[in-house]
Amino acid sequence: MLSQFFLQNLHFAVNILAAMVFSWCFWLYFDVWLARKRMDEALKFLGFLFLTVSFVIHAVHLESTITEQIINELAYERILITTRLGGYLLIAISLFLEPSLSHPHKNKEQRIKDKVQSRNGELQGVSGALMISMFGAQIPGYVAASMFFPLAGVSVALLYLYKSTYGLEFHLRRVAYAFFILSLFELISLRELFIGNSNVSVFKLAAPFASLWTLEHLTLFIGVLILGKWVFSYLLKRLQTQLYIFFSLAILFIFVISTLSFTWLLLGNVQKEAENQLETSVKVLEYALDTRKSELLSDAQVFAQDAKVTDAISADQKPQLANLASEYLLTKKLSFLTVVNENGQVVARGEEPERIGDSLSSNTLIKRSLLSESNFSVMSRDGVLAPDVFVSASAPVKKDNEVIGAVWVGVVTDNAFVDGIYKATGLNASIYGEDKISATSLVGEDGSSRRVGVIESNSEIKEQVLGKGEGFTGTTNFLNTPYFVSYLPLKDLDNTPVGMLSVGKPQVTILATAGRSIQGSFIVAGILWLLAILPSYLISSYISKQLK
């Protein structure tokens, strides 16, 4: 979860940085327009303003699909298409309208010929971008329109490159390189179109926070870094622009740090609340088992005090005992019911009437019952896929205040038991026999198979719970999925851990819970940063005038 938190905030920071660099370009061309009042300069600063808004909108959009977005997805897509394509197109049109400087050493006829060729080249570039955008507008949906983002970006890059290679505008070459890299960023960002792909390999490659996502943001950072270095060198030539840069950087730094701090505290609180809830839920699971133990002890005592049972044991009437045990086992829905005599020899079994005669004198519960004690415990038996965990109880059978035998009953904690916990708490619960899952509410991808037999691989959990007999609450990976979990030991009559109780919650649900608040903080920071552009301009203008 911490990695997702970091990468989500990295997405916000990189896109806000891109928006700031485009706002600097807007400032530069707006300053030029104030001096010349030309149409091409107006279109250019408007284009960079559109791109500024576009990247602010992109910054506040959460990269994860696990939570509902505050901004309606359709509204987000329309705003992004309008501002991104509109920004690229306005810049391209302004470059077409702007006269190109010709080389002074060329003769007049050659300059006229080159000027005509340059106009034709620029016209082709702009008309190509316009046709692309118009064609995109004819196709409904964000999917189709977003495919033209890289083409619009590369059109602007080609026009800047043409300006820099024709005549004396060599300084624009760096801008051209920046837009080429930005168009590559737009191309890589088309990975979003494949997030819903059914192919697992394609999904893993295109998913948020995966390798393509990292490459996409790295490309954006490099592109805006090149563009920022270019515009930075021009803005530092005047005091007013120096002040503007200082104010905008300071405001951006404050907003980013504030947003990171808020989201960090928010996730920390949500995580702590989730862990507290898990600790409570695993205690509910433990209480349910304790309740079942008490019920079993009561069942054992009731059967042991039945006069028919005591008479049958005294008279060694094994067939009658077998019938009584079988009927009681079915009535109480027990997994097993065993009756032993005073020597610990089995005289009746409710689940297997024909299997008698063996000795259970070494069984701890039966030992204590033959000493006139009633007890309950948890035990683990080897099963097919994993150990079977039983809750059992035993009670002495007395006649004339003398112990003549004992009754031992038990039930297996199966999937139905943990399903009841899941319905009550909404949390996935598991019961372990030693370090293997014996029963769980976790199902496989087919929606029916259970994750029985999965071994707990976290050595810290095994050492804490099975080794020391203490609880554990924290994080672990279950089948490559990060979970918040809480464990408690299952102990037998001798207080020795024989298994574990566990409840868990996927870590992504924590981010989903906090997602709307995180996006809200991003939106507030983005809006405040945009609104801070005008005060930054007015303050820097006022200070520069006072110093003149």
Protein backbone atom coordinates (compact mmCIF):
# COMPACT_ATOMS: atom_id res chain seq x y z
CA MET A 1 0.00 0.00 0.00
CA LEU A 2 2.86 2.38 0.79
CA SER A 3 4.25 1.85 -2.72
CA GLN A 4 0.86 2.73 -4.24
CA PHE A 5 0.67 5.75 -1.97
CA PHE A 6 4.12 6.91 -3.11
CA LEU A 7 3.44 6.30 -6.82
CA GLN A 8 0.02 7.99 -6.68
CA ASN A 9 1.61 11.09 -5.18
CA LEU A 10 4.45 10.86 -7.71
CA HIS A 11 1.84 10.97 -10.47
CA PHE A 12 0.38 14.10 -8.91
CA ALA A 13 3.78 15.78 -8.45
CA VAL A 14 5.08 15.05 -11.99
CA ASN A 15 1.89 16.26 -13.66
CA ILE A 16 1.73 19.40 -11.49
CA LEU A 17 5.38 20.06 -12.42
CA ALA A 18 4.42 19.73 -16.10
CA ALA A 19 1.53 22.14 -15.55
CA MET A 20 3.90 24.65 -13.91
CA VAL A 21 6.38 24.49 -16.82
CA PHE A 22 3.55 25.05 -19.31
CA SER A 23 2.36 27.96 -17.16
CA TRP A 24 5.86 29.46 -17.45
CA CYS A 25 5.60 29.13 -21.25
CA PHE A 26 2.19 30.77 -21.03
CA TRP A 27 3.74 33.60 -19.01
CA LEU A 28 6.56 34.04 -21.55
CA TYR A 29 4.30 34.25 -24.59
CA PHE A 30 1.73 36.32 -22.70
CA ASP A 31 4.49 38.82 -21.91
CA VAL A 32 5.41 38.87 -25.61
CA TRP A 33 1.78 39.40 -26.56
CA LEU A 34 1.50 42.39 -24.21
CA ALA A 35 4.31 44.06 -26.14
CA ARG A 36 3.19 43.18 -29.69
CA LYS A 37 -0.53 42.36 -29.46
CA ARG A 38 -0.29 39.90 -32.37
CA MET A 39 -2.80 37.15 -33.07
CA ASP A 40 -0.21 34.39 -33.40
CA GLU A 41 1.25 35.22 -29.99
CA ALA A 42 -2.24 35.25 -28.45
CA LEU A 43 -3.00 31.78 -29.83
CA LYS A 44 0.33 30.52 -28.55
CA PHE A 45 -0.12 31.66 -24.94
CA LEU A 46 -3.70 30.35 -25.01
CA GLY A 47 -2.39 27.00 -26.22
CA PHE A 48 0.07 26.75 -23.34
CA LEU A 49 -2.67 27.82 -20.94
CA PHE A 50 -4.84 24.96 -22.21
CA LEU A 51 -1.98 22.52 -21.68
CA THR A 52 -1.50 23.89 -18.15
CA VAL A 53 -5.13 23.17 -17.29
CA SER A 54 -4.92 19.78 -19.03
CA PHE A 55 -2.05 18.56 -16.88
CA VAL A 56 -3.66 19.89 -13.69
CA ILE A 57 -6.77 17.85 -14.56
CA HIS A 58 -4.59 14.83 -15.26
CA ALA A 59 -2.72 15.32 -11.97
CA VAL A 60 -5.87 15.16 -9.81
CA HIS A 61 -7.14 12.01 -11.54
CA LEU A 62 -6.40 8.88 -9.49
CA GLU A 63 -4.41 6.24 -11.36
CA SER A 64 -6.11 3.37 -9.56
CA THR A 65 -9.46 1.85 -10.56
CA ILE A 66 -10.21 0.56 -7.07
CA THR A 67 -12.10 3.63 -5.98
CA GLU A 68 -14.81 5.84 -7.40
CA GLN A 69 -13.54 9.11 -8.84
CA ILE A 70 -14.87 12.41 -7.49
CA ILE A 71 -14.76 13.93 -10.97
CA ASN A 72 -17.19 12.14 -13.25
CA GLU A 73 -15.21 9.99 -15.67
CA LEU A 74 -17.05 11.33 -18.72
CA ALA A 75 -16.49 14.94 -17.61
CA TYR A 76 -12.81 14.19 -16.99
CA GLU A 77 -12.41 12.69 -20.45
CA ARG A 78 -14.15 15.62 -22.18
CA ILE A 79 -12.11 18.24 -20.31
CA LEU A 80 -8.87 16.39 -21.00
CA ILE A 81 -9.61 15.98 -24.71
CA THR A 82 -10.65 19.64 -25.07
CA THR A 83 -7.67 21.11 -23.23
CA ARG A 84 -4.99 18.70 -24.50
CA LEU A 85 -5.94 18.68 -28.19
CA GLY A 86 -6.99 22.34 -28.01
CA GLY A 87 -3.62 23.31 -26.54
CA TYR A 88 -1.63 21.45 -29.17
CA LEU A 89 -3.76 22.84 -32.00
CA LEU A 90 -3.61 26.45 -30.84
CA ILE A 91 0.19 26.25 -30.61
CA ALA A 92 0.37 24.64 -34.07
CA ILE A 93 -1.87 27.34 -35.62
CA SER A 94 0.16 30.09 -34.00
CA LEU A 95 3.37 28.62 -35.43
CA PHE A 96 1.75 28.57 -38.85
CA LEU A 97 0.63 32.21 -38.61
CA GLU A 98 3.97 33.39 -37.19
CA PRO A 99 6.37 34.61 -39.91
CA SER A 100 9.59 32.60 -40.16
CA LEU A 101 12.95 34.35 -40.15
CA SER A 102 15.02 33.69 -43.30
CA HIS A 103 18.80 33.44 -43.47
CA PRO A 104 20.34 36.88 -44.29
CA HIS A 105 22.96 35.48 -46.72
CA LYS A 106 20.39 34.12 -49.13
CA ASN A 107 19.37 36.28 -52.08
CA LYS A 108 15.96 37.83 -52.24
CA GLU A 109 14.60 35.37 -54.82
CA GLN A 110 15.74 32.40 -52.81
CA ARG A 111 14.27 33.91 -49.63
CA ILE A 112 10.89 34.35 -51.35
CA LYS A 113 11.03 30.77 -52.60
CA ASP A 114 11.96 29.44 -49.16
CA LYS A 115 9.25 31.55 -47.55
CA VAL A 116 6.65 30.02 -49.86
CA GLN A 117 8.01 26.54 -49.11
CA SER A 118 7.99 27.25 -45.38
CA ARG A 119 4.40 28.42 -45.54
CA ASN A 120 3.45 25.27 -47.43
CA GLY A 121 5.31 23.08 -44.94
CA GLU A 122 3.69 24.81 -41.98
CA LEU A 123 0.31 24.63 -43.66
CA GLN A 124 0.72 20.90 -44.21
CA GLY A 125 1.72 20.38 -40.56
CA VAL A 126 -1.19 22.40 -39.20
CA SER A 127 -3.70 20.98 -41.65
CA GLY A 128 -2.51 17.49 -40.70
CA ALA A 129 -3.05 18.24 -37.02
CA LEU A 130 -6.45 19.80 -37.76
CA MET A 131 -7.52 16.79 -39.85
CA ILE A 132 -6.37 14.45 -37.11
CA SER A 133 -8.32 16.33 -34.46
CA MET A 134 -11.40 16.68 -36.65
CA PHE A 135 -11.26 12.98 -37.45
CA GLY A 136 -10.90 12.21 -33.73
CA ALA A 137 -13.93 14.39 -33.01
CA GLN A 138 -15.98 12.26 -35.41
CA ILE A 139 -15.22 9.12 -33.39
CA PRO A 140 -17.11 8.99 -30.08
CA GLY A 141 -15.31 8.19 -26.88
CA TYR A 142 -12.14 9.04 -25.04
CA VAL A 143 -10.45 5.93 -26.45
CA ALA A 144 -10.55 7.18 -30.03
CA ALA A 145 -9.72 10.81 -29.25
CA SER A 146 -6.78 9.95 -26.98
CA MET A 147 -5.12 8.14 -29.86
CA PHE A 148 -4.53 11.52 -31.48
CA PHE A 149 -2.69 13.05 -28.53
CA PRO A 150 0.73 11.77 -29.69
CA LEU A 151 0.01 12.82 -33.29
CA ALA A 152 -0.96 16.34 -32.20
CA GLY A 153 2.15 16.54 -30.03
CA VAL A 154 4.48 15.41 -32.80
CA SER A 155 2.85 17.96 -35.17
CA VAL A 156 3.83 20.76 -32.77
CA ALA A 157 7.33 19.26 -32.46
CA LEU A 158 7.76 19.17 -36.26
CA LEU A 159 6.62 22.76 -36.63
CA TYR A 160 9.06 23.92 -33.94
CA LEU A 161 11.81 21.86 -35.59
CA TYR A 162 11.05 23.47 -38.94
CA LYS A 163 11.25 26.91 -37.34
CA SER A 164 14.59 26.05 -35.76
CA THR A 165 16.14 24.64 -38.94
CA TYR A 166 14.97 27.46 -41.22
CA GLY A 167 16.64 30.81 -40.75
CA LEU A 168 18.05 31.94 -37.41
CA GLU A 169 15.60 30.50 -34.83
CA PHE A 170 18.02 27.91 -33.51
CA HIS A 171 16.84 28.53 -29.93
CA LEU A 172 13.58 26.73 -30.73
CA ARG A 173 15.40 23.47 -31.38
CA ARG A 174 15.26 22.59 -27.66
CA VAL A 175 11.50 23.21 -27.65
CA ALA A 176 11.15 20.86 -30.61
CA TYR A 177 13.08 18.15 -28.76
CA ALA A 178 10.89 18.66 -25.70
CA PHE A 179 7.68 18.22 -27.72
CA PHE A 180 9.08 15.12 -29.43
CA ILE A 181 9.61 13.58 -25.98
CA LEU A 182 6.17 14.76 -24.88
CA SER A 183 4.64 13.09 -27.94
CA LEU A 184 6.43 9.89 -26.89
CA PHE A 185 4.86 10.34 -23.46
CA GLU A 186 1.45 10.67 -25.10
CA LEU A 187 2.14 7.48 -27.07
CA ILE A 188 3.11 5.48 -23.98
CA SER A 189 0.08 6.83 -22.11
CA LEU A 190 -2.10 4.93 -24.58
CA ARG A 191 -1.41 1.96 -22.26
CA GLU A 192 -4.65 3.03 -20.53
CA LEU A 193 -6.55 1.62 -23.52
CA PHE A 194 -5.32 -1.90 -22.63
CA ILE A 195 -6.01 -1.89 -18.87
CA GLY A 196 -9.22 -3.85 -19.40
CA ASN A 197 -7.51 -6.43 -21.64
CA SER A 198 -8.29 -10.06 -20.78
CA ASN A 199 -4.71 -11.10 -21.51
CA VAL A 200 -2.93 -11.29 -18.14
CA SER A 201 0.49 -10.35 -19.54
CA VAL A 202 -0.90 -7.30 -21.34
CA PHE A 203 -2.83 -6.24 -18.24
CA LYS A 204 0.23 -6.51 -16.00
CA LEU A 205 2.23 -4.43 -18.47
CA ALA A 206 -0.40 -1.71 -18.88
CA ALA A 207 -1.77 -1.61 -15.31
CA PRO A 208 -1.33 1.48 -13.10
CA PHE A 209 2.04 1.57 -11.31
CA ALA A 210 3.48 -1.12 -13.63
CA SER A 211 6.54 -0.80 -15.92
CA LEU A 212 4.81 1.17 -18.70
CA TRP A 213 3.33 3.52 -16.12
CA THR A 214 6.82 4.22 -14.76
CA LEU A 215 8.22 4.78 -18.26
CA GLU A 216 5.32 7.10 -19.07
CA HIS A 217 5.98 9.36 -16.10
CA LEU A 218 9.75 9.27 -16.62
CA THR A 219 9.26 10.40 -20.23
CA LEU A 220 6.95 13.21 -19.13
CA PHE A 221 9.47 14.35 -16.52
CA ILE A 222 12.33 14.44 -19.06
CA GLY A 223 10.20 16.33 -21.60
CA VAL A 224 9.08 19.04 -19.17
CA LEU A 225 12.62 19.25 -17.76
CA ILE A 226 13.99 20.13 -21.22
CA LEU A 227 11.15 22.58 -21.88
CA GLY A 228 11.50 24.06 -18.39
CA LYS A 229 15.23 24.65 -18.83
CA TRP A 230 14.56 26.49 -22.08
CA VAL A 231 11.80 28.74 -20.73
CA PHE A 232 13.66 29.24 -17.46
CA SER A 233 16.62 30.80 -19.27
CA TYR A 234 14.34 33.46 -20.80
CA LEU A 235 12.24 34.23 -17.74
CA LEU A 236 15.29 34.92 -15.58
CA LYS A 237 16.31 37.86 -17.76
CA ARG A 238 13.75 40.17 -16.11
CA LEU A 239 13.12 40.93 -12.44
CA GLN A 240 9.36 40.60 -12.72
CA THR A 241 9.58 37.13 -14.23
CA GLN A 242 12.21 36.12 -11.66
CA LEU A 243 9.78 37.05 -8.91
CA TYR A 244 6.98 35.18 -10.63
CA ILE A 245 9.08 32.02 -10.88
CA PHE A 246 10.05 32.31 -7.22
CA PHE A 247 6.43 32.71 -6.11
CA SER A 248 5.10 29.91 -8.34
CA LEU A 249 7.83 27.49 -7.23
CA ALA A 250 7.26 28.34 -3.57
CA ILE A 251 3.49 27.88 -3.91
CA LEU A 252 3.94 24.59 -5.78
CA PHE A 253 6.36 23.31 -3.14
CA ILE A 254 3.97 24.24 -0.31
CA PHE A 255 0.98 22.62 -2.01
CA VAL A 256 2.84 19.40 -2.88
CA ILE A 257 4.28 19.02 0.64
CA SER A 258 0.89 19.80 2.20
CA THR A 259 -0.86 17.28 -0.05
CA LEU A 260 1.73 14.57 0.63
CA SER A 261 1.51 15.19 4.38
CA PHE A 262 -2.28 15.11 4.38
CA THR A 263 -2.52 11.89 2.35
CA TRP A 264 0.18 10.26 4.48
CA LEU A 265 -1.66 11.09 7.71
CA LEU A 266 -4.97 10.03 6.18
CA LEU A 267 -3.66 6.64 5.07
CA GLY A 268 -1.95 6.17 8.43
CA ASN A 269 -5.21 6.77 10.29
CA VAL A 270 -7.19 4.52 7.95
CA GLN A 271 -4.55 1.79 8.28
CA LYS A 272 -4.59 2.04 12.08
CA GLU A 273 -8.37 1.88 12.11
CA ALA A 274 -8.29 -1.17 9.83
CA GLU A 275 -5.77 -2.94 12.08
CA ASN A 276 -7.90 -2.20 15.16
CA GLN A 277 -10.94 -3.58 13.35
CA LEU A 278 -9.00 -6.73 12.41
CA GLU A 279 -7.88 -7.26 16.00
CA THR A 280 -11.51 -6.99 17.11
CA SER A 281 -12.66 -9.35 14.36
CA VAL A 282 -10.11 -12.06 15.14
CA LYS A 283 -11.23 -11.88 18.78
CA VAL A 284 -14.80 -12.36 17.55
CA LEU A 285 -13.58 -15.48 15.75
CA GLU A 286 -11.84 -16.64 18.93
CA TYR A 287 -15.02 -15.95 20.94
CA ALA A 288 -17.06 -17.99 18.46
CA LEU A 289 -14.69 -20.92 18.98
CA ASP A 290 -14.83 -20.52 22.77
CA THR A 291 -18.62 -20.52 22.59
CA ARG A 292 -18.50 -23.71 20.55
CA LYS A 293 -16.20 -25.27 23.16
CA SER A 294 -18.67 -24.45 25.93
CA GLU A 295 -21.53 -25.93 23.90
CA LEU A 296 -19.55 -29.13 23.31
CA LEU A 297 -18.70 -29.42 26.99
CA SER A 298 -22.38 -29.11 27.84
CA ASP A 299 -23.24 -31.77 25.21
CA ALA A 300 -20.59 -34.12 26.65
CA GLN A 301 -21.86 -33.64 30.20
CA VAL A 302 -25.49 -34.19 29.21
CA PHE A 303 -24.62 -37.46 27.46
CA ALA A 304 -22.37 -38.59 30.31
CA GLN A 305 -25.14 -38.02 32.89
CA ASP A 306 -27.74 -39.99 30.92
CA ALA A 307 -28.83 -42.94 33.05
CA LYS A 308 -29.05 -45.20 30.00
CA VAL A 309 -25.40 -44.46 29.22
CA THR A 310 -24.18 -45.15 32.76
CA ASP A 311 -26.18 -48.39 32.93
CA ALA A 312 -24.86 -49.54 29.52
CA ILE A 313 -21.24 -48.87 30.53
CA SER A 314 -21.71 -50.66 33.87
CA ALA A 315 -23.29 -53.69 32.16
CA ASP A 316 -20.78 -53.52 29.25
CA GLN A 317 -23.63 -53.38 26.74
CA LYS A 318 -21.67 -52.21 23.70
CA PRO A 319 -24.49 -52.47 21.08
CA GLN A 320 -26.79 -50.32 23.22
CA LEU A 321 -23.99 -47.78 23.78
CA ALA A 322 -23.34 -47.67 20.02
CA ASN A 323 -27.00 -46.91 19.32
CA LEU A 324 -27.15 -44.22 21.99
CA ALA A 325 -23.91 -42.64 20.73
CA SER A 326 -25.03 -42.65 17.09
CA GLU A 327 -28.39 -41.07 17.88
CA TYR A 328 -26.84 -38.36 20.03
CA LEU A 329 -24.14 -37.62 17.43
CA LEU A 330 -26.76 -37.07 14.73
CA THR A 331 -28.98 -35.01 17.03
CA LYS A 332 -26.18 -32.64 18.06
CA LYS A 333 -24.49 -32.69 14.62
CA LEU A 334 -21.16 -33.75 16.07
CA SER A 335 -18.15 -34.90 14.08
CA PHE A 336 -17.34 -37.66 16.54
CA LEU A 337 -18.56 -39.08 19.86
CA THR A 338 -16.43 -41.63 21.70
CA VAL A 339 -17.17 -43.48 24.94
CA VAL A 340 -14.39 -45.15 26.96
CA ASN A 341 -14.46 -47.26 30.10
CA GLU A 342 -12.51 -46.60 33.29
CA ASN A 343 -9.35 -48.01 31.68
CA GLY A 344 -9.52 -45.69 28.67
CA GLN A 345 -10.62 -48.46 26.29
CA VAL A 346 -13.11 -47.45 23.59
CA VAL A 347 -16.46 -49.15 24.15
CA ALA A 348 -18.55 -47.12 21.65
CA ARG A 349 -18.15 -44.71 18.76
CA GLY A 350 -21.08 -42.77 17.33
CA GLU A 351 -19.43 -42.10 13.95
CA GLU A 352 -17.93 -45.61 13.50
CA PRO A 353 -19.86 -48.11 15.69
CA GLU A 354 -17.80 -51.09 14.55
CA ARG A 355 -14.40 -49.55 15.52
CA ILE A 356 -14.03 -50.25 19.23
CA GLY A 357 -11.52 -51.83 21.53
CA ASP A 358 -8.60 -49.48 20.99
CA SER A 359 -7.14 -47.48 23.89
CA LEU A 360 -7.28 -43.69 24.33
CA SER A 361 -5.71 -43.67 27.76
CA SER A 362 -2.91 -41.39 26.47
CA ASN A 363 -5.37 -38.70 25.32
CA THR A 364 -4.98 -35.65 27.59
CA LEU A 365 -8.69 -34.81 27.74
CA ILE A 366 -9.74 -38.39 28.51
CA LYS A 367 -6.99 -38.69 31.12
CA ARG A 368 -8.37 -35.72 32.99
CA SER A 369 -11.98 -36.89 32.63
CA LEU A 370 -11.04 -40.24 34.13
CA LEU A 371 -9.72 -38.16 37.03
CA SER A 372 -13.23 -36.64 37.32
CA GLU A 373 -12.51 -33.41 35.38
CA SER A 374 -14.53 -31.89 32.55
CA ASN A 375 -12.49 -29.98 29.95
CA PHE A 376 -12.44 -28.72 26.41
CA SER A 377 -9.58 -28.16 23.98
CA VAL A 378 -8.50 -27.71 20.37
CA MET A 379 -6.66 -30.43 18.49
CA SER A 380 -5.26 -30.96 15.03
CA ARG A 381 -5.35 -34.17 12.99
CA ASP A 382 -3.69 -34.93 9.66
CA GLY A 383 -6.08 -34.55 6.73
CA VAL A 384 -5.88 -35.04 2.96
CA LEU A 385 -4.83 -31.51 1.97
CA ALA A 386 -4.24 -29.97 5.38
CA PRO A 387 -4.63 -30.82 9.07
CA ASP A 388 -8.23 -30.94 10.32
CA VAL A 389 -8.77 -28.67 13.32
CA PHE A 390 -11.28 -29.97 15.88
CA VAL A 391 -12.89 -28.36 18.89
CA SER A 392 -13.46 -31.10 21.45
CA ALA A 393 -14.65 -31.64 25.02
CA SER A 394 -14.79 -34.51 27.46
CA ALA A 395 -16.73 -35.31 30.63
CA PRO A 396 -16.53 -38.14 33.17
CA VAL A 397 -19.24 -40.79 33.41
CA LYS A 398 -20.05 -41.46 37.07
CA LYS A 399 -22.15 -43.99 38.94
CA ASP A 400 -22.50 -43.74 42.68
CA ASN A 401 -19.90 -40.93 42.58
CA GLU A 402 -17.32 -43.25 41.04
CA VAL A 403 -15.83 -42.63 37.56
CA ILE A 404 -16.67 -45.60 35.35
CA GLY A 405 -15.75 -44.03 32.03
CA ALA A 406 -15.64 -40.85 29.95
CA VAL A 407 -17.35 -39.24 26.97
CA TRP A 408 -15.33 -37.41 24.33
CA VAL A 409 -17.09 -35.29 21.67
CA GLY A 410 -15.88 -32.92 18.99
CA VAL A 411 -16.69 -31.00 15.80
CA VAL A 412 -14.41 -30.04 12.92
CA THR A 413 -14.06 -26.31 12.17
CA ASP A 414 -14.90 -26.46 8.47
CA ASN A 415 -15.52 -23.85 5.77
CA ALA A 416 -19.12 -23.39 6.87
CA PHE A 417 -17.90 -22.13 10.25
CA VAL A 418 -15.62 -19.43 8.75
CA ASP A 419 -18.31 -18.53 6.19
CA GLY A 420 -20.49 -17.56 9.13
CA ILE A 421 -17.73 -15.26 10.38
CA TYR A 422 -17.43 -13.74 6.90
CA LYS A 423 -21.17 -13.04 6.77
CA ALA A 424 -21.07 -11.45 10.22
CA THR A 425 -17.97 -9.24 9.76
CA GLY A 426 -17.40 -9.05 5.99
CA LEU A 427 -13.79 -10.14 6.56
CA ASN A 428 -12.02 -13.19 5.19
CA ALA A 429 -11.32 -15.62 8.02
CA SER A 430 -9.02 -18.65 8.08
CA ILE A 431 -8.25 -21.40 10.58
CA TYR A 432 -4.82 -23.00 10.46
CA GLY A 433 -3.73 -26.45 11.55
CA GLU A 434 -0.19 -25.62 12.54
CA ASP A 435 0.95 -23.44 9.56
CA LYS A 436 -1.49 -24.82 6.94
CA ILE A 437 -4.95 -23.48 6.20
CA SER A 438 -7.55 -25.99 7.37
CA ALA A 439 -10.68 -23.91 6.71
CA THR A 440 -11.08 -20.54 5.03
CA SER A 441 -13.61 -18.20 3.47
CA LEU A 442 -11.10 -17.28 0.76
CA VAL A 443 -12.12 -18.72 -2.61
CA GLY A 444 -10.17 -19.25 -5.81
CA GLU A 445 -10.58 -17.50 -9.13
CA ASP A 446 -13.34 -19.96 -10.09
CA GLY A 447 -15.43 -18.59 -7.19
CA SER A 448 -15.95 -21.99 -5.53
CA SER A 449 -12.64 -23.71 -4.67
CA ARG A 450 -11.10 -22.92 -1.27
CA ARG A 451 -7.49 -22.05 -0.50
CA VAL A 452 -7.20 -25.04 1.84
CA GLY A 453 -3.67 -26.37 2.28
CA VAL A 454 -1.88 -23.08 1.63
CA ILE A 455 1.14 -22.75 3.92
CA GLU A 456 1.81 -19.54 5.84
CA SER A 457 5.24 -18.49 4.54
CA ASN A 458 5.76 -15.43 6.73
CA SER A 459 8.42 -16.50 9.26
CA GLU A 460 7.67 -13.54 11.52
CA ILE A 461 4.04 -14.61 11.88
CA LYS A 462 4.95 -18.24 12.57
CA GLU A 463 7.55 -17.27 15.15
CA GLN A 464 5.20 -14.83 16.90
CA VAL A 465 2.03 -16.95 16.87
CA LEU A 466 3.13 -20.60 16.77
CA GLY A 467 6.48 -20.12 18.48
CA LYS A 468 5.68 -17.62 21.23
CA GLY A 469 1.92 -18.16 21.40
CA GLU A 470 1.21 -14.43 20.97
CA GLY A 471 -1.02 -12.48 18.60
CA PHE A 472 0.21 -10.72 15.46
CA THR A 473 -1.31 -7.76 13.59
CA GLY A 474 0.37 -6.31 10.53
CA THR A 475 0.94 -6.93 6.83
CA THR A 476 1.69 -10.04 4.79
CA ASN A 477 1.37 -11.38 1.26
CA PHE A 478 -1.22 -14.06 0.59
CA LEU A 479 -0.93 -15.61 -2.86
CA ASN A 480 0.95 -12.51 -4.09
CA THR A 481 -1.76 -10.18 -2.79
CA PRO A 482 -0.82 -7.73 0.03
CA TYR A 483 -3.11 -8.09 3.05
CA PHE A 484 -3.59 -6.49 6.43
CA VAL A 485 -3.97 -9.42 8.83
CA SER A 486 -4.49 -10.24 12.47
CA TYR A 487 -3.57 -13.63 13.97
CA LEU A 488 -4.24 -15.35 17.30
CA PRO A 489 -2.86 -18.73 18.38
CA LEU A 490 -5.04 -21.82 18.78
CA LYS A 491 -3.92 -23.59 21.96
CA ASP A 492 -4.62 -27.05 23.29
CA LEU A 493 -5.29 -28.06 26.88
CA ASP A 494 -1.58 -27.81 27.73
CA ASN A 495 -1.48 -24.22 26.40
CA THR A 496 0.64 -25.30 23.41
CA PRO A 497 -0.13 -23.60 20.03
CA VAL A 498 -1.50 -26.17 17.58
CA GLY A 499 -2.82 -23.72 14.97
CA MET A 500 -3.83 -20.16 14.23
CA LEU A 501 -6.91 -17.99 13.75
CA SER A 502 -6.65 -15.32 11.09
CA VAL A 503 -8.73 -12.55 9.57
CA GLY A 504 -7.52 -10.36 6.74
CA LYS A 505 -8.33 -7.49 4.45
CA PRO A 506 -6.63 -6.68 1.09
CA GLN A 507 -4.46 -3.59 1.34
CA VAL A 508 -6.01 -2.12 -1.80
CA THR A 509 -9.29 -1.71 0.07
CA ILE A 510 -7.52 0.77 2.37
CA LEU A 511 -6.52 2.90 -0.61
CA ALA A 512 -10.08 2.59 -1.93
CA THR A 513 -11.44 3.83 1.39
CA ALA A 514 -9.13 6.83 1.41
CA GLY A 515 -9.25 7.34 -2.36
CA ARG A 516 -11.95 10.00 -2.48
CA SER A 517 -10.27 12.02 0.28
CA ILE A 518 -6.90 11.77 -1.46
CA GLN A 519 -8.37 12.88 -4.77
CA GLY A 520 -10.20 15.69 -2.97
CA SER A 521 -6.90 16.95 -1.58
CA PHE A 522 -5.36 16.75 -5.06
CA ILE A 523 -8.25 18.74 -6.56
CA VAL A 524 -8.09 21.44 -3.90
CA ALA A 525 -4.30 21.74 -4.31
CA GLY A 526 -4.63 21.92 -8.12
CA ILE A 527 -7.36 24.58 -8.04
CA LEU A 528 -5.52 26.67 -5.46
CA TRP A 529 -2.33 26.47 -7.51
CA LEU A 530 -4.16 27.64 -10.64
CA LEU A 531 -5.78 30.48 -8.70
CA ALA A 532 -2.38 31.45 -7.30
CA ILE A 533 -1.07 32.27 -10.79
CA LEU A 534 -2.88 35.64 -10.90
CA PRO A 535 -1.79 36.80 -7.40
CA SER A 536 1.77 35.73 -8.23
CA TYR A 537 1.65 37.87 -11.38
CA LEU A 538 0.18 40.88 -9.57
CA ILE A 539 2.61 40.69 -6.64
CA SER A 540 5.64 40.27 -8.88
CA SER A 541 4.48 43.18 -11.06
CA TYR A 542 3.97 45.41 -8.02
CA ILE A 543 7.37 44.60 -6.51
CA SER A 544 9.21 45.11 -9.80
CA LYS A 545 7.53 48.50 -10.31
CA GLN A 546 8.44 49.59 -6.80
CA LEU A 547 12.09 48.74 -7.43
CA LYS A 548 12.31 50.69 -10.66
